[in-house]
Amino acid sequence: MRLDTLAARSRHLALFERYGALLTKHQQEVLELSLRSDWSLAEIADHQGTSRAAVHDIVKRSVDALEEYERRLGLLAEAGRRRRKVASLERELAGLQRRVAELEA
């Protein structure tokens, strides 16, 4: 799998975890099989008793809806900003702890 495809898949999974409850039950089921279980479109279509094209359309529309939720609500971006800020604060704290240890020595 190409790196950009893997990154996109990872993002779609993160969006699904964050906003999946906002999708219809059918969309949730199809994305669950596609993203978490890594089923092919053909496998999902066979399981659902529909065409591969119909599954492709559901996946596309569902991912587009997830992206729109993120565009409007920004929860995933905010979580990323918080993670980066926490990491920065942890580095700063580690530096301060080293300085204190040096002063105590």
C-alpha atoms as a PDB file:
ATOM      1  CA  MET A   1       0.000   0.000   0.000  1.00  0.00           C
ATOM      2  CA  ARG A   2       1.353   3.422  -0.922  1.00  0.00           C
ATOM      3  CA  LEU A   3       2.248   5.815   1.868  1.00  0.00           C
ATOM      4  CA  ASP A   4      -0.284   8.467   0.785  1.00  0.00           C
ATOM      5  CA  THR A   5      -2.997   5.807   0.622  1.00  0.00           C
ATOM      6  CA  LEU A   6      -2.017   4.566   4.068  1.00  0.00           C
ATOM      7  CA  ALA A   7      -2.095   8.110   5.449  1.00  0.00           C
ATOM      8  CA  ALA A   8      -5.515   8.741   3.912  1.00  0.00           C
ATOM      9  CA  ARG A   9      -6.818   5.464   5.310  1.00  0.00           C
ATOM     10  CA  SER A  10      -5.454   6.345   8.739  1.00  0.00           C
ATOM     11  CA  ARG A  11      -7.147   9.758   8.579  1.00  0.00           C
ATOM     12  CA  HIS A  12     -10.450   8.200   7.481  1.00  0.00           C
ATOM     13  CA  LEU A  13     -10.274   5.771  10.388  1.00  0.00           C
ATOM     14  CA  ALA A  14      -9.574   8.629  12.839  1.00  0.00           C
ATOM     15  CA  LEU A  15     -12.500  10.591  11.399  1.00  0.00           C
ATOM     16  CA  PHE A  16     -14.719   7.507  11.634  1.00  0.00           C
ATOM     17  CA  GLU A  17     -13.769   6.993  15.271  1.00  0.00           C
ATOM     18  CA  ARG A  18     -14.518  10.642  16.052  1.00  0.00           C
ATOM     19  CA  TYR A  19     -17.669  11.207  13.959  1.00  0.00           C
ATOM     20  CA  GLY A  20     -18.919   7.740  13.017  1.00  0.00           C
ATOM     21  CA  ALA A  21     -21.906   7.973  15.341  1.00  0.00           C
ATOM     22  CA  LEU A  22     -23.237  10.803  13.160  1.00  0.00           C
ATOM     23  CA  LEU A  23     -23.541   8.493  10.144  1.00  0.00           C
ATOM     24  CA  THR A  24     -26.504   6.266   9.382  1.00  0.00           C
ATOM     25  CA  LYS A  25     -26.377   2.704  10.697  1.00  0.00           C
ATOM     26  CA  HIS A  26     -25.837   1.408   7.149  1.00  0.00           C
ATOM     27  CA  GLN A  27     -22.950   3.817   6.545  1.00  0.00           C
ATOM     28  CA  GLN A  28     -21.430   2.804   9.871  1.00  0.00           C
ATOM     29  CA  GLU A  29     -21.639  -0.890   8.976  1.00  0.00           C
ATOM     30  CA  VAL A  30     -20.043  -0.398   5.562  1.00  0.00           C
ATOM     31  CA  LEU A  31     -17.221   1.805   6.893  1.00  0.00           C
ATOM     32  CA  GLU A  32     -16.659  -0.612   9.768  1.00  0.00           C
ATOM     33  CA  LEU A  33     -16.051  -3.402   7.256  1.00  0.00           C
ATOM     34  CA  SER A  34     -13.991  -1.203   4.955  1.00  0.00           C
ATOM     35  CA  LEU A  35     -11.809   0.660   7.450  1.00  0.00           C
ATOM     36  CA  ARG A  36     -11.555  -1.551  10.511  1.00  0.00           C
ATOM     37  CA  SER A  37     -11.922  -5.010   8.998  1.00  0.00           C
ATOM     38  CA  ASP A  38     -10.103  -4.100   5.753  1.00  0.00           C
ATOM     39  CA  TRP A  39     -12.643  -5.808   3.520  1.00  0.00           C
ATOM     40  CA  SER A  40     -12.541  -5.067  -0.195  1.00  0.00           C
ATOM     41  CA  LEU A  41     -15.452  -3.353  -1.904  1.00  0.00           C
ATOM     42  CA  ALA A  42     -16.321  -6.641  -3.587  1.00  0.00           C
ATOM     43  CA  GLU A  43     -16.369  -8.486  -0.252  1.00  0.00           C
ATOM     44  CA  ILE A  44     -18.604  -5.844   1.302  1.00  0.00           C
ATOM     45  CA  ALA A  45     -20.899  -5.866  -1.731  1.00  0.00           C
ATOM     46  CA  ASP A  46     -21.222  -9.657  -1.537  1.00  0.00           C
ATOM     47  CA  HIS A  47     -21.920  -9.458   2.206  1.00  0.00           C
ATOM     48  CA  GLN A  48     -24.475  -6.670   1.757  1.00  0.00           C
ATOM     49  CA  GLY A  49     -26.091  -8.241  -1.311  1.00  0.00           C
ATOM     50  CA  THR A  50     -25.441  -5.198  -3.465  1.00  0.00           C
ATOM     51  CA  SER A  51     -23.051  -4.071  -6.189  1.00  0.00           C
ATOM     52  CA  ARG A  52     -19.447  -3.031  -5.780  1.00  0.00           C
ATOM     53  CA  ALA A  53     -20.347   0.352  -7.295  1.00  0.00           C
ATOM     54  CA  ALA A  54     -23.049   0.875  -4.667  1.00  0.00           C
ATOM     55  CA  VAL A  55     -20.569   0.097  -1.885  1.00  0.00           C
ATOM     56  CA  HIS A  56     -18.019   2.437  -3.454  1.00  0.00           C
ATOM     57  CA  ASP A  57     -20.653   5.181  -3.506  1.00  0.00           C
ATOM     58  CA  ILE A  58     -21.570   4.600   0.152  1.00  0.00           C
ATOM     59  CA  VAL A  59     -17.916   4.660   1.208  1.00  0.00           C
ATOM     60  CA  LYS A  60     -17.243   7.819  -0.811  1.00  0.00           C
ATOM     61  CA  ARG A  61     -20.319   9.671   0.468  1.00  0.00           C
ATOM     62  CA  SER A  62     -19.635   8.552   4.041  1.00  0.00           C
ATOM     63  CA  VAL A  63     -16.000   9.675   3.974  1.00  0.00           C
ATOM     64  CA  ASP A  64     -17.073  12.972   2.398  1.00  0.00           C
ATOM     65  CA  ALA A  65     -19.591  13.420   5.233  1.00  0.00           C
ATOM     66  CA  LEU A  66     -16.887  12.687   7.828  1.00  0.00           C
ATOM     67  CA  GLU A  67     -14.584  15.239   6.200  1.00  0.00           C
ATOM     68  CA  GLU A  68     -17.404  17.791   6.253  1.00  0.00           C
ATOM     69  CA  TYR A  69     -18.016  17.148   9.959  1.00  0.00           C
ATOM     70  CA  GLU A  70     -14.328  17.710  10.597  1.00  0.00           C
ATOM     71  CA  ARG A  71     -14.333  20.883   8.489  1.00  0.00           C
ATOM     72  CA  ARG A  72     -17.253  22.266  10.497  1.00  0.00           C
ATOM     73  CA  LEU A  73     -16.376  20.994  13.976  1.00  0.00           C
ATOM     74  CA  GLY A  74     -12.600  20.551  13.860  1.00  0.00           C
ATOM     75  CA  LEU A  75     -12.449  18.000  16.679  1.00  0.00           C
ATOM     76  CA  LEU A  76      -9.649  15.976  15.102  1.00  0.00           C
ATOM     77  CA  ALA A  77      -7.549  19.079  14.424  1.00  0.00           C
ATOM     78  CA  GLU A  78      -8.132  20.299  17.970  1.00  0.00           C
ATOM     79  CA  ALA A  79      -7.053  16.948  19.392  1.00  0.00           C
ATOM     80  CA  GLY A  80      -3.864  17.184  17.302  1.00  0.00           C
ATOM     81  CA  ARG A  81      -3.162  20.685  18.582  1.00  0.00           C
ATOM     82  CA  ARG A  82      -3.657  19.498  22.158  1.00  0.00           C
ATOM     83  CA  ARG A  83      -1.330  16.503  21.649  1.00  0.00           C
ATOM     84  CA  ARG A  84       1.369  18.790  20.248  1.00  0.00           C
ATOM     85  CA  LYS A  85       0.940  21.254  23.120  1.00  0.00           C
ATOM     86  CA  VAL A  86       1.150  18.472  25.717  1.00  0.00           C
ATOM     87  CA  ALA A  87       4.299  17.110  24.056  1.00  0.00           C
ATOM     88  CA  SER A  88       5.812  20.596  24.097  1.00  0.00           C
ATOM     89  CA  LEU A  89       4.968  21.050  27.768  1.00  0.00           C
ATOM     90  CA  GLU A  90       6.414  17.627  28.589  1.00  0.00           C
ATOM     91  CA  ARG A  91       9.684  18.560  26.857  1.00  0.00           C
ATOM     92  CA  GLU A  92       9.752  21.852  28.725  1.00  0.00           C
ATOM     93  CA  LEU A  93       9.106  20.073  32.021  1.00  0.00           C
ATOM     94  CA  ALA A  94      11.876  17.564  31.336  1.00  0.00           C
ATOM     95  CA  GLY A  95      14.265  20.451  30.666  1.00  0.00           C
ATOM     96  CA  LEU A  96      13.273  22.156  33.907  1.00  0.00           C
ATOM     97  CA  GLN A  97      13.707  18.919  35.830  1.00  0.00           C
ATOM     98  CA  ARG A  98      17.211  18.527  34.385  1.00  0.00           C
ATOM     99  CA  ARG A  99      18.047  22.085  35.429  1.00  0.00           C
ATOM    100  CA  VAL A 100      16.757  21.473  38.965  1.00  0.00           C
ATOM    101  CA  ALA A 101      18.795  18.252  39.172  1.00  0.00           C
ATOM    102  CA  GLU A 102      21.904  20.143  38.036  1.00  0.00           C
ATOM    103  CA  LEU A 103      21.338  22.827  40.676  1.00  0.00           C
ATOM    104  CA  GLU A 104      20.859  20.240  43.409  1.00  0.00           C
ATOM    105  CA  ALA A 105      24.047  18.385  42.496  1.00  0.00           C
END
